[in-house]
Amino acid sequence: MTDTAVPPPSPPGADKVILVVDDKATTRNILLHNLRIAGYKAIEADSGITAISLAAREKIDLIILDVMMPKMDGYSVCDRLRHSEKTARIPIVMCTAKSMKEDVVQAIQAGANDYIVKPFGKATILEKVKKFIGEPPKAPAPPKKEVVKKAPPEKKEDHGPESKEAATPSPAPPPSGGAPSTGAP
């Protein structure tokens, strides 16, 4: 039997992909910006048809889906995603300006997991995202720099051009208790 190491599970939110679907570029860009600044990976679709295609071929972990779009509304997109084996389990948060109780009921019946009414704040959208896929991955901490304390350099006294003379040893002091010897008897 071989011993294989099992990697630790990824933290919630790590490598998770959020698909933002809205026909209005401004709304998409605001959502994408807020999600990316928070640390999530986000991609976009400008229509329901594009969203269905992307969700079928990419690994999507959460869909933020506008309701009111041309050609195919969010309810129809949600319903189609729920009827595809590949996309049926992807959490879907619908967001729209439609705030009537009937609209929320219709979204839930179509298969949405949650519903946000526009306009919404950054905190609201991030709260919904965390609810379904967890916190964004943390950026790796920069490597710690090892601090090596160096000994201070040795002080060398510099006395200018005469320093060589100053550096020569001086004659030995005379013996104590007497006058210096002259060498004569």
N, C-alpha and C. Protein backbone atom coordinates (compact mmCIF):
# COMPACT_ATOMS: atom_id res chain seq x y z
N MET A 1 0.85 -1.17 0.00
CA MET A 1 0.00 0.00 0.00
C MET A 1 0.90 1.23 0.00
N THR A 2 0.60 2.18 -0.89
CA THR A 2 1.41 3.39 -0.95
C THR A 2 0.76 4.47 -0.10
N ASP A 3 1.61 5.27 0.47
CA ASP A 3 1.15 6.35 1.33
C ASP A 3 1.07 7.63 0.49
N THR A 4 -0.12 8.15 0.27
CA THR A 4 -0.26 9.38 -0.50
C THR A 4 -0.73 10.50 0.41
N ALA A 5 -0.11 11.63 0.22
CA ALA A 5 -0.47 12.79 1.04
C ALA A 5 -1.73 13.43 0.48
N VAL A 6 -2.63 13.75 1.35
CA VAL A 6 -3.87 14.41 0.96
C VAL A 6 -3.69 15.90 1.23
N PRO A 7 -3.83 16.73 0.17
CA PRO A 7 -3.65 18.16 0.41
C PRO A 7 -4.75 18.71 1.31
N PRO A 8 -4.40 19.73 2.10
CA PRO A 8 -5.43 20.32 2.97
C PRO A 8 -6.52 20.96 2.12
N PRO A 9 -7.74 21.00 2.62
CA PRO A 9 -8.82 21.60 1.83
C PRO A 9 -8.56 23.09 1.61
N SER A 10 -9.01 23.57 0.47
CA SER A 10 -8.87 25.00 0.17
C SER A 10 -9.78 25.79 1.08
N PRO A 11 -9.35 26.98 1.49
CA PRO A 11 -10.23 27.79 2.32
C PRO A 11 -11.44 28.22 1.51
N PRO A 12 -12.58 28.45 2.17
CA PRO A 12 -13.76 28.90 1.44
C PRO A 12 -13.42 30.17 0.65
N GLY A 13 -13.90 30.22 -0.57
CA GLY A 13 -13.67 31.40 -1.40
C GLY A 13 -12.43 31.29 -2.27
N ALA A 14 -11.49 30.38 -1.92
CA ALA A 14 -10.26 30.27 -2.69
C ALA A 14 -10.56 29.71 -4.07
N ASP A 15 -10.03 30.36 -5.08
CA ASP A 15 -10.19 29.94 -6.47
C ASP A 15 -11.65 29.80 -6.90
N LYS A 16 -12.54 30.52 -6.28
CA LYS A 16 -13.95 30.49 -6.64
C LYS A 16 -14.19 31.54 -7.72
N VAL A 17 -15.03 31.20 -8.68
CA VAL A 17 -15.32 32.11 -9.79
C VAL A 17 -16.78 32.56 -9.71
N ILE A 18 -16.97 33.87 -9.79
CA ILE A 18 -18.31 34.45 -9.76
C ILE A 18 -18.62 34.98 -11.16
N LEU A 19 -19.77 34.59 -11.67
CA LEU A 19 -20.23 35.08 -12.97
C LEU A 19 -21.25 36.20 -12.72
N VAL A 20 -20.94 37.39 -13.22
CA VAL A 20 -21.82 38.55 -13.09
C VAL A 20 -22.55 38.71 -14.41
N VAL A 21 -23.90 38.66 -14.36
CA VAL A 21 -24.71 38.75 -15.58
C VAL A 21 -25.62 39.96 -15.51
N ASP A 22 -25.40 40.92 -16.41
CA ASP A 22 -26.25 42.11 -16.48
C ASP A 22 -26.07 42.72 -17.86
N ASP A 23 -27.15 43.19 -18.45
CA ASP A 23 -27.04 43.79 -19.78
C ASP A 23 -26.47 45.20 -19.73
N LYS A 24 -26.44 45.80 -18.57
CA LYS A 24 -25.91 47.16 -18.43
C LYS A 24 -24.44 47.10 -18.00
N ALA A 25 -23.57 47.65 -18.85
CA ALA A 25 -22.13 47.61 -18.59
C ALA A 25 -21.76 48.30 -17.28
N THR A 26 -22.43 49.41 -16.97
CA THR A 26 -22.12 50.14 -15.74
C THR A 26 -22.35 49.27 -14.51
N THR A 27 -23.48 48.59 -14.47
CA THR A 27 -23.79 47.72 -13.33
C THR A 27 -22.77 46.59 -13.24
N ARG A 28 -22.47 45.97 -14.38
CA ARG A 28 -21.48 44.88 -14.39
C ARG A 28 -20.14 45.37 -13.87
N ASN A 29 -19.70 46.53 -14.37
CA ASN A 29 -18.39 47.04 -13.98
C ASN A 29 -18.31 47.36 -12.49
N ILE A 30 -19.37 47.90 -11.93
CA ILE A 30 -19.39 48.19 -10.48
C ILE A 30 -19.30 46.88 -9.70
N LEU A 31 -20.10 45.90 -10.08
CA LEU A 31 -20.06 44.61 -9.39
C LEU A 31 -18.69 43.95 -9.52
N LEU A 32 -18.17 43.92 -10.73
CA LEU A 32 -16.86 43.30 -10.96
C LEU A 32 -15.78 43.99 -10.13
N HIS A 33 -15.80 45.31 -10.14
CA HIS A 33 -14.82 46.08 -9.38
C HIS A 33 -14.90 45.74 -7.89
N ASN A 34 -16.09 45.79 -7.32
CA ASN A 34 -16.25 45.51 -5.89
C ASN A 34 -15.84 44.09 -5.53
N LEU A 35 -16.18 43.14 -6.37
CA LEU A 35 -15.83 41.75 -6.11
C LEU A 35 -14.32 41.54 -6.19
N ARG A 36 -13.70 42.12 -7.21
CA ARG A 36 -12.26 41.94 -7.39
C ARG A 36 -11.46 42.65 -6.30
N ILE A 37 -11.89 43.85 -5.92
CA ILE A 37 -11.22 44.58 -4.84
C ILE A 37 -11.29 43.77 -3.54
N ALA A 38 -12.41 43.08 -3.34
CA ALA A 38 -12.57 42.26 -2.13
C ALA A 38 -11.73 40.98 -2.19
N GLY A 39 -11.20 40.65 -3.38
CA GLY A 39 -10.34 39.48 -3.50
C GLY A 39 -10.95 38.30 -4.23
N TYR A 40 -12.14 38.47 -4.79
CA TYR A 40 -12.78 37.38 -5.53
C TYR A 40 -12.37 37.42 -7.00
N LYS A 41 -12.50 36.28 -7.64
CA LYS A 41 -12.28 36.17 -9.07
C LYS A 41 -13.66 36.31 -9.72
N ALA A 42 -13.82 37.25 -10.64
CA ALA A 42 -15.13 37.49 -11.24
C ALA A 42 -15.02 37.63 -12.75
N ILE A 43 -15.99 37.03 -13.45
CA ILE A 43 -16.08 37.17 -14.90
C ILE A 43 -17.48 37.70 -15.22
N GLU A 44 -17.70 38.06 -16.49
CA GLU A 44 -18.96 38.72 -16.81
C GLU A 44 -19.61 38.16 -18.07
N ALA A 45 -20.92 38.41 -18.13
CA ALA A 45 -21.71 38.11 -19.32
C ALA A 45 -22.71 39.26 -19.48
N ASP A 46 -22.90 39.69 -20.72
CA ASP A 46 -23.81 40.82 -20.97
C ASP A 46 -25.21 40.39 -21.39
N SER A 47 -25.46 39.07 -21.38
CA SER A 47 -26.79 38.58 -21.73
C SER A 47 -27.02 37.22 -21.10
N GLY A 48 -28.28 36.84 -21.06
CA GLY A 48 -28.64 35.53 -20.52
C GLY A 48 -28.08 34.39 -21.35
N ILE A 49 -28.09 34.56 -22.67
CA ILE A 49 -27.59 33.51 -23.56
C ILE A 49 -26.09 33.30 -23.34
N THR A 50 -25.35 34.40 -23.22
CA THR A 50 -23.91 34.31 -22.95
C THR A 50 -23.67 33.67 -21.59
N ALA A 51 -24.48 34.01 -20.60
CA ALA A 51 -24.34 33.44 -19.26
C ALA A 51 -24.52 31.93 -19.27
N ILE A 52 -25.53 31.46 -19.97
CA ILE A 52 -25.79 30.01 -20.04
C ILE A 52 -24.60 29.31 -20.69
N SER A 53 -24.08 29.89 -21.75
CA SER A 53 -22.93 29.32 -22.46
C SER A 53 -21.69 29.28 -21.56
N LEU A 54 -21.40 30.39 -20.90
CA LEU A 54 -20.23 30.45 -20.00
C LEU A 54 -20.37 29.46 -18.85
N ALA A 55 -21.54 29.41 -18.24
CA ALA A 55 -21.76 28.52 -17.10
C ALA A 55 -21.62 27.05 -17.50
N ALA A 56 -21.94 26.74 -18.75
CA ALA A 56 -21.85 25.36 -19.23
C ALA A 56 -20.39 24.94 -19.49
N ARG A 57 -19.54 25.89 -19.86
CA ARG A 57 -18.17 25.50 -20.22
C ARG A 57 -17.10 25.90 -19.20
N GLU A 58 -17.39 26.81 -18.28
CA GLU A 58 -16.44 27.23 -17.26
C GLU A 58 -16.85 26.67 -15.91
N LYS A 59 -15.90 26.66 -14.99
CA LYS A 59 -16.24 26.25 -13.62
C LYS A 59 -16.69 27.51 -12.88
N ILE A 60 -17.99 27.63 -12.67
CA ILE A 60 -18.58 28.79 -12.02
C ILE A 60 -19.08 28.35 -10.64
N ASP A 61 -18.78 29.18 -9.62
CA ASP A 61 -19.16 28.83 -8.26
C ASP A 61 -20.35 29.63 -7.74
N LEU A 62 -20.64 30.76 -8.39
CA LEU A 62 -21.76 31.60 -7.99
C LEU A 62 -22.14 32.47 -9.18
N ILE A 63 -23.44 32.69 -9.36
CA ILE A 63 -23.92 33.57 -10.43
C ILE A 63 -24.72 34.70 -9.80
N ILE A 64 -24.37 35.93 -10.16
CA ILE A 64 -25.15 37.10 -9.78
C ILE A 64 -25.87 37.50 -11.06
N LEU A 65 -27.19 37.40 -11.05
CA LEU A 65 -27.99 37.46 -12.27
C LEU A 65 -29.04 38.56 -12.22
N ASP A 66 -28.98 39.45 -13.21
CA ASP A 66 -29.98 40.50 -13.35
C ASP A 66 -31.28 39.86 -13.84
N VAL A 67 -32.41 40.43 -13.47
CA VAL A 67 -33.71 39.90 -13.91
C VAL A 67 -34.11 40.50 -15.25
N MET A 68 -34.07 41.82 -15.35
CA MET A 68 -34.58 42.49 -16.54
C MET A 68 -33.50 42.65 -17.61
N MET A 69 -33.51 41.73 -18.58
CA MET A 69 -32.57 41.77 -19.69
C MET A 69 -33.32 41.50 -20.99
N PRO A 70 -32.83 42.04 -22.10
CA PRO A 70 -33.49 41.78 -23.38
C PRO A 70 -33.28 40.33 -23.84
N LYS A 71 -34.10 39.88 -24.74
CA LYS A 71 -34.07 38.54 -25.36
C LYS A 71 -34.40 37.42 -24.38
N MET A 72 -33.71 37.35 -23.26
CA MET A 72 -33.99 36.30 -22.27
C MET A 72 -33.84 36.92 -20.88
N ASP A 73 -34.94 36.97 -20.13
CA ASP A 73 -34.86 37.58 -18.80
C ASP A 73 -34.19 36.64 -17.80
N GLY A 74 -33.85 37.19 -16.64
CA GLY A 74 -33.16 36.42 -15.62
C GLY A 74 -33.93 35.21 -15.11
N TYR A 75 -35.25 35.30 -15.07
CA TYR A 75 -36.06 34.15 -14.63
C TYR A 75 -35.86 32.98 -15.58
N SER A 76 -35.88 33.25 -16.88
CA SER A 76 -35.70 32.20 -17.89
C SER A 76 -34.29 31.63 -17.84
N VAL A 77 -33.30 32.51 -17.64
CA VAL A 77 -31.91 32.06 -17.54
C VAL A 77 -31.77 31.14 -16.33
N CYS A 78 -32.30 31.57 -15.21
CA CYS A 78 -32.24 30.79 -13.97
C CYS A 78 -32.89 29.41 -14.16
N ASP A 79 -34.05 29.40 -14.77
CA ASP A 79 -34.76 28.15 -15.02
C ASP A 79 -33.94 27.21 -15.91
N ARG A 80 -33.33 27.75 -16.96
CA ARG A 80 -32.51 26.92 -17.87
C ARG A 80 -31.28 26.39 -17.15
N LEU A 81 -30.66 27.22 -16.32
CA LEU A 81 -29.48 26.77 -15.57
C LEU A 81 -29.85 25.64 -14.61
N ARG A 82 -31.01 25.72 -14.00
CA ARG A 82 -31.46 24.69 -13.05
C ARG A 82 -31.79 23.37 -13.74
N HIS A 83 -32.08 23.41 -15.03
CA HIS A 83 -32.43 22.20 -15.76
C HIS A 83 -31.25 21.58 -16.50
N SER A 84 -30.06 22.10 -16.29
CA SER A 84 -28.86 21.53 -16.89
C SER A 84 -28.07 20.83 -15.79
N GLU A 85 -27.64 19.62 -16.06
CA GLU A 85 -26.92 18.84 -15.06
C GLU A 85 -25.64 19.57 -14.61
N LYS A 86 -24.93 20.20 -15.52
CA LYS A 86 -23.67 20.87 -15.20
C LYS A 86 -23.87 22.12 -14.34
N THR A 87 -24.99 22.81 -14.49
CA THR A 87 -25.18 24.10 -13.82
C THR A 87 -26.26 24.10 -12.73
N ALA A 88 -26.91 22.98 -12.55
CA ALA A 88 -28.07 22.92 -11.65
C ALA A 88 -27.74 23.28 -10.20
N ARG A 89 -26.52 23.02 -9.77
CA ARG A 89 -26.18 23.25 -8.35
C ARG A 89 -25.44 24.56 -8.09
N ILE A 90 -25.23 25.36 -9.10
CA ILE A 90 -24.55 26.64 -8.90
C ILE A 90 -25.50 27.59 -8.18
N PRO A 91 -25.07 28.17 -7.05
CA PRO A 91 -25.93 29.15 -6.37
C PRO A 91 -26.17 30.36 -7.27
N ILE A 92 -27.39 30.86 -7.27
CA ILE A 92 -27.76 32.01 -8.09
C ILE A 92 -28.39 33.07 -7.19
N VAL A 93 -27.79 34.28 -7.25
CA VAL A 93 -28.34 35.43 -6.54
C VAL A 93 -28.89 36.36 -7.61
N MET A 94 -30.19 36.56 -7.61
CA MET A 94 -30.80 37.45 -8.59
C MET A 94 -30.79 38.87 -8.03
N CYS A 95 -30.52 39.83 -8.90
CA CYS A 95 -30.56 41.22 -8.46
C CYS A 95 -31.32 42.04 -9.50
N THR A 96 -32.23 42.86 -8.99
CA THR A 96 -33.09 43.64 -9.86
C THR A 96 -33.70 44.82 -9.13
N ALA A 97 -34.24 45.73 -9.90
CA ALA A 97 -34.97 46.87 -9.32
C ALA A 97 -36.39 46.47 -8.95
N LYS A 98 -36.81 45.30 -9.39
CA LYS A 98 -38.16 44.82 -9.08
C LYS A 98 -38.20 44.36 -7.62
N SER A 99 -39.00 45.03 -6.82
CA SER A 99 -38.99 44.74 -5.39
C SER A 99 -40.32 44.22 -4.84
N MET A 100 -41.28 43.95 -5.70
CA MET A 100 -42.57 43.45 -5.24
C MET A 100 -42.42 42.00 -4.76
N LYS A 101 -43.26 41.63 -3.82
CA LYS A 101 -43.22 40.28 -3.26
C LYS A 101 -43.36 39.23 -4.37
N GLU A 102 -44.18 39.52 -5.36
CA GLU A 102 -44.39 38.57 -6.47
C GLU A 102 -43.09 38.33 -7.25
N ASP A 103 -42.27 39.38 -7.35
CA ASP A 103 -41.01 39.26 -8.07
C ASP A 103 -40.05 38.32 -7.33
N VAL A 104 -40.00 38.46 -6.02
CA VAL A 104 -39.15 37.60 -5.21
C VAL A 104 -39.64 36.15 -5.32
N VAL A 105 -40.94 35.95 -5.23
CA VAL A 105 -41.52 34.61 -5.34
C VAL A 105 -41.19 34.00 -6.70
N GLN A 106 -41.32 34.79 -7.77
CA GLN A 106 -41.02 34.30 -9.12
C GLN A 106 -39.55 33.89 -9.24
N ALA A 107 -38.65 34.68 -8.64
CA ALA A 107 -37.22 34.36 -8.68
C ALA A 107 -36.94 33.04 -7.96
N ILE A 108 -37.54 32.86 -6.80
CA ILE A 108 -37.34 31.64 -6.03
C ILE A 108 -37.93 30.44 -6.79
N GLN A 109 -39.08 30.62 -7.39
CA GLN A 109 -39.70 29.54 -8.17
C GLN A 109 -38.85 29.17 -9.39
N ALA A 110 -38.15 30.16 -9.95
CA ALA A 110 -37.27 29.89 -11.09
C ALA A 110 -36.00 29.15 -10.67
N GLY A 111 -35.72 29.19 -9.36
CA GLY A 111 -34.56 28.46 -8.85
C GLY A 111 -33.49 29.31 -8.20
N ALA A 112 -33.74 30.59 -8.03
CA ALA A 112 -32.74 31.46 -7.37
C ALA A 112 -32.58 31.07 -5.91
N ASN A 113 -31.35 31.19 -5.42
CA ASN A 113 -31.07 30.92 -4.01
C ASN A 113 -31.29 32.14 -3.14
N ASP A 114 -31.16 33.33 -3.75
CA ASP A 114 -31.32 34.56 -3.00
C ASP A 114 -31.66 35.68 -3.97
N TYR A 115 -31.99 36.84 -3.41
CA TYR A 115 -32.53 37.95 -4.20
C TYR A 115 -32.06 39.25 -3.59
N ILE A 116 -31.55 40.16 -4.42
CA ILE A 116 -31.12 41.48 -3.95
C ILE A 116 -31.85 42.54 -4.77
N VAL A 117 -32.35 43.55 -4.08
CA VAL A 117 -33.07 44.63 -4.76
C VAL A 117 -32.10 45.79 -5.01
N LYS A 118 -32.09 46.26 -6.27
CA LYS A 118 -31.28 47.43 -6.64
C LYS A 118 -31.98 48.69 -6.18
N PRO A 119 -31.29 49.73 -5.83
CA PRO A 119 -29.83 49.78 -5.71
C PRO A 119 -29.38 49.10 -4.43
N PHE A 120 -28.23 48.50 -4.49
CA PHE A 120 -27.68 47.82 -3.32
C PHE A 120 -26.27 48.33 -3.08
N GLY A 121 -25.81 48.21 -1.86
CA GLY A 121 -24.47 48.66 -1.50
C GLY A 121 -23.46 47.54 -1.61
N LYS A 122 -22.22 47.92 -1.58
CA LYS A 122 -21.10 46.97 -1.64
C LYS A 122 -21.21 45.93 -0.54
N ALA A 123 -21.54 46.37 0.67
CA ALA A 123 -21.64 45.44 1.80
C ALA A 123 -22.69 44.37 1.57
N THR A 124 -23.80 44.76 0.96
CA THR A 124 -24.89 43.80 0.72
C THR A 124 -24.45 42.71 -0.24
N ILE A 125 -23.82 43.11 -1.34
CA ILE A 125 -23.41 42.11 -2.33
C ILE A 125 -22.33 41.20 -1.75
N LEU A 126 -21.39 41.77 -1.01
CA LEU A 126 -20.32 40.94 -0.44
C LEU A 126 -20.86 39.98 0.61
N GLU A 127 -21.87 40.42 1.35
CA GLU A 127 -22.51 39.55 2.34
C GLU A 127 -23.15 38.33 1.65
N LYS A 128 -23.83 38.58 0.54
CA LYS A 128 -24.48 37.47 -0.20
C LYS A 128 -23.43 36.53 -0.78
N VAL A 129 -22.35 37.09 -1.31
CA VAL A 129 -21.30 36.25 -1.89
C VAL A 129 -20.68 35.37 -0.80
N LYS A 130 -20.36 35.96 0.34
CA LYS A 130 -19.77 35.20 1.45
C LYS A 130 -20.70 34.09 1.92
N LYS A 131 -21.99 34.36 1.88
CA LYS A 131 -22.99 33.38 2.31
C LYS A 131 -22.90 32.10 1.48
N PHE A 132 -22.62 32.25 0.18
CA PHE A 132 -22.61 31.09 -0.70
C PHE A 132 -21.24 30.49 -0.99
N ILE A 133 -20.19 31.32 -1.04
CA ILE A 133 -18.87 30.75 -1.37
C ILE A 133 -17.79 31.08 -0.35
N GLY A 134 -18.13 31.79 0.71
CA GLY A 134 -17.15 32.07 1.75
C GLY A 134 -16.33 33.32 1.49
N GLU A 135 -15.38 33.52 2.37
CA GLU A 135 -14.49 34.68 2.29
C GLU A 135 -13.60 34.55 1.06
N PRO A 136 -13.13 35.69 0.55
CA PRO A 136 -12.18 35.61 -0.56
C PRO A 136 -10.86 35.05 -0.07
N PRO A 137 -10.08 34.50 -0.98
CA PRO A 137 -8.78 33.98 -0.55
C PRO A 137 -7.91 35.12 -0.04
N LYS A 138 -7.13 34.83 0.95
CA LYS A 138 -6.21 35.83 1.51
C LYS A 138 -4.98 35.89 0.63
N ALA A 139 -4.50 37.08 0.44
CA ALA A 139 -3.25 37.23 -0.31
C ALA A 139 -2.13 36.65 0.54
N PRO A 140 -1.19 35.95 -0.10
CA PRO A 140 -0.11 35.39 0.70
C PRO A 140 0.70 36.50 1.34
N ALA A 141 1.10 36.25 2.56
CA ALA A 141 1.89 37.25 3.29
C ALA A 141 3.27 37.35 2.64
N PRO A 142 3.78 38.56 2.52
CA PRO A 142 5.12 38.69 1.94
C PRO A 142 6.14 37.98 2.82
N PRO A 143 7.17 37.41 2.21
CA PRO A 143 8.16 36.70 3.04
C PRO A 143 8.83 37.67 4.00
N LYS A 144 9.07 37.16 5.20
CA LYS A 144 9.72 38.01 6.20
C LYS A 144 11.19 38.14 5.85
N LYS A 145 11.68 39.35 5.93
CA LYS A 145 13.10 39.58 5.68
C LYS A 145 13.84 39.33 6.99
N GLU A 146 14.90 38.56 6.88
CA GLU A 146 15.68 38.26 8.05
C GLU A 146 16.55 39.47 8.37
N VAL A 147 16.45 39.94 9.57
CA VAL A 147 17.24 41.10 9.98
C VAL A 147 18.51 40.58 10.65
N VAL A 148 19.63 40.91 10.05
CA VAL A 148 20.91 40.50 10.60
C VAL A 148 21.58 41.75 11.16
N LYS A 149 21.87 41.71 12.44
CA LYS A 149 22.53 42.85 13.06
C LYS A 149 24.03 42.72 12.83
N LYS A 150 24.60 43.76 12.27
CA LYS A 150 26.02 43.77 12.00
C LYS A 150 26.72 44.53 13.12
N ALA A 151 27.93 44.08 13.43
CA ALA A 151 28.73 44.78 14.42
C ALA A 151 29.13 46.13 13.82
N PRO A 152 29.17 47.16 14.65
CA PRO A 152 29.57 48.47 14.10
C PRO A 152 31.00 48.39 13.61
N PRO A 153 31.32 49.10 12.54
CA PRO A 153 32.69 49.05 12.02
C PRO A 153 33.67 49.61 13.05
N GLU A 154 34.89 49.08 13.02
CA GLU A 154 35.91 49.56 13.95
C GLU A 154 36.25 50.99 13.61
N LYS A 155 36.44 51.79 14.65
CA LYS A 155 36.78 53.19 14.42
C LYS A 155 38.28 53.29 14.18
N LYS A 156 38.61 53.92 13.11
CA LYS A 156 40.02 54.19 12.82
C LYS A 156 40.16 55.69 12.87
N GLU A 157 41.06 56.11 13.74
CA GLU A 157 41.24 57.55 13.88
C GLU A 157 42.06 58.07 12.72
N ASP A 158 41.58 59.13 12.16
CA ASP A 158 42.28 59.74 11.06
C ASP A 158 42.71 61.12 11.52
N HIS A 159 44.00 61.34 11.52
CA HIS A 159 44.52 62.61 11.98
C HIS A 159 45.05 63.44 10.82
N GLY A 160 44.59 63.24 9.70
CA GLY A 160 45.01 64.03 8.54
C GLY A 160 46.34 63.52 7.99
N PRO A 161 47.09 64.39 7.24
CA PRO A 161 48.34 63.95 6.60
C PRO A 161 49.41 63.54 7.60
N GLU A 162 49.35 64.08 8.79
CA GLU A 162 50.37 63.73 9.78
C GLU A 162 50.05 62.41 10.46
N SER A 163 48.99 61.75 10.07
CA SER A 163 48.55 60.56 10.77
C SER A 163 49.60 59.47 10.78
N LYS A 164 50.45 59.42 9.75
CA LYS A 164 51.48 58.39 9.74
C LYS A 164 52.48 58.65 10.86
N GLU A 165 52.82 59.93 11.09
CA GLU A 165 53.75 60.26 12.17
C GLU A 165 53.10 59.95 13.51
N ALA A 166 51.82 60.28 13.62
CA ALA A 166 51.13 60.05 14.88
C ALA A 166 50.99 58.57 15.16
N ALA A 167 51.00 57.77 14.11
CA ALA A 167 50.82 56.35 14.29
C ALA A 167 52.13 55.66 14.67
N THR A 168 53.32 56.32 14.50
CA THR A 168 54.59 55.70 14.88
C THR A 168 54.72 55.71 16.39
N PRO A 169 55.23 54.65 16.91
CA PRO A 169 55.33 54.57 18.36
C PRO A 169 56.30 55.63 18.90
N SER A 170 55.97 56.16 20.03
CA SER A 170 56.84 57.16 20.67
C SER A 170 57.90 56.44 21.49
N PRO A 171 59.02 57.14 21.78
CA PRO A 171 60.07 56.47 22.56
C PRO A 171 59.56 56.12 23.96
N ALA A 172 60.18 55.15 24.52
CA ALA A 172 59.78 54.69 25.84
C ALA A 172 60.03 55.77 26.88
N PRO A 173 59.17 55.88 27.87
CA PRO A 173 59.37 56.90 28.90
C PRO A 173 60.62 56.58 29.73
N PRO A 174 61.23 57.62 30.34
CA PRO A 174 62.44 57.39 31.14
C PRO A 174 62.11 56.56 32.38
N PRO A 175 63.12 55.87 32.89
CA PRO A 175 62.88 55.12 34.12
C PRO A 175 62.53 56.05 35.24
N SER A 176 61.75 55.60 36.12
CA SER A 176 61.28 56.48 37.19
C SER A 176 62.38 56.77 38.20
N GLY A 177 62.29 57.98 38.72
CA GLY A 177 63.18 58.40 39.80
C GLY A 177 64.48 59.02 39.34
N GLY A 178 64.68 59.23 38.14
CA GLY A 178 65.95 59.84 37.77
C GLY A 178 65.85 60.62 36.51
N ALA A 179 66.93 61.29 36.22
CA ALA A 179 67.00 62.07 35.00
C ALA A 179 67.33 61.15 33.86
N PRO A 180 67.01 61.57 32.69
CA PRO A 180 67.29 60.71 31.56
C PRO A 180 68.80 60.52 31.40
N SER A 181 69.10 59.37 30.98
CA SER A 181 70.49 59.02 30.78
C SER A 181 70.96 59.59 29.47
N THR A 182 72.19 60.08 29.43
CA THR A 182 72.76 60.64 28.20
C THR A 182 73.70 59.64 27.58
N GLY A 183 73.95 58.60 28.23
CA GLY A 183 74.86 57.60 27.73
C GLY A 183 76.28 57.85 28.13
N ALA A 184 76.66 59.02 28.76
CA ALA A 184 78.02 59.29 29.20
C ALA A 184 78.14 59.01 30.67
N PRO A 185 79.37 58.53 31.13
CA PRO A 185 79.54 58.20 32.55
C PRO A 185 79.70 59.37 33.45
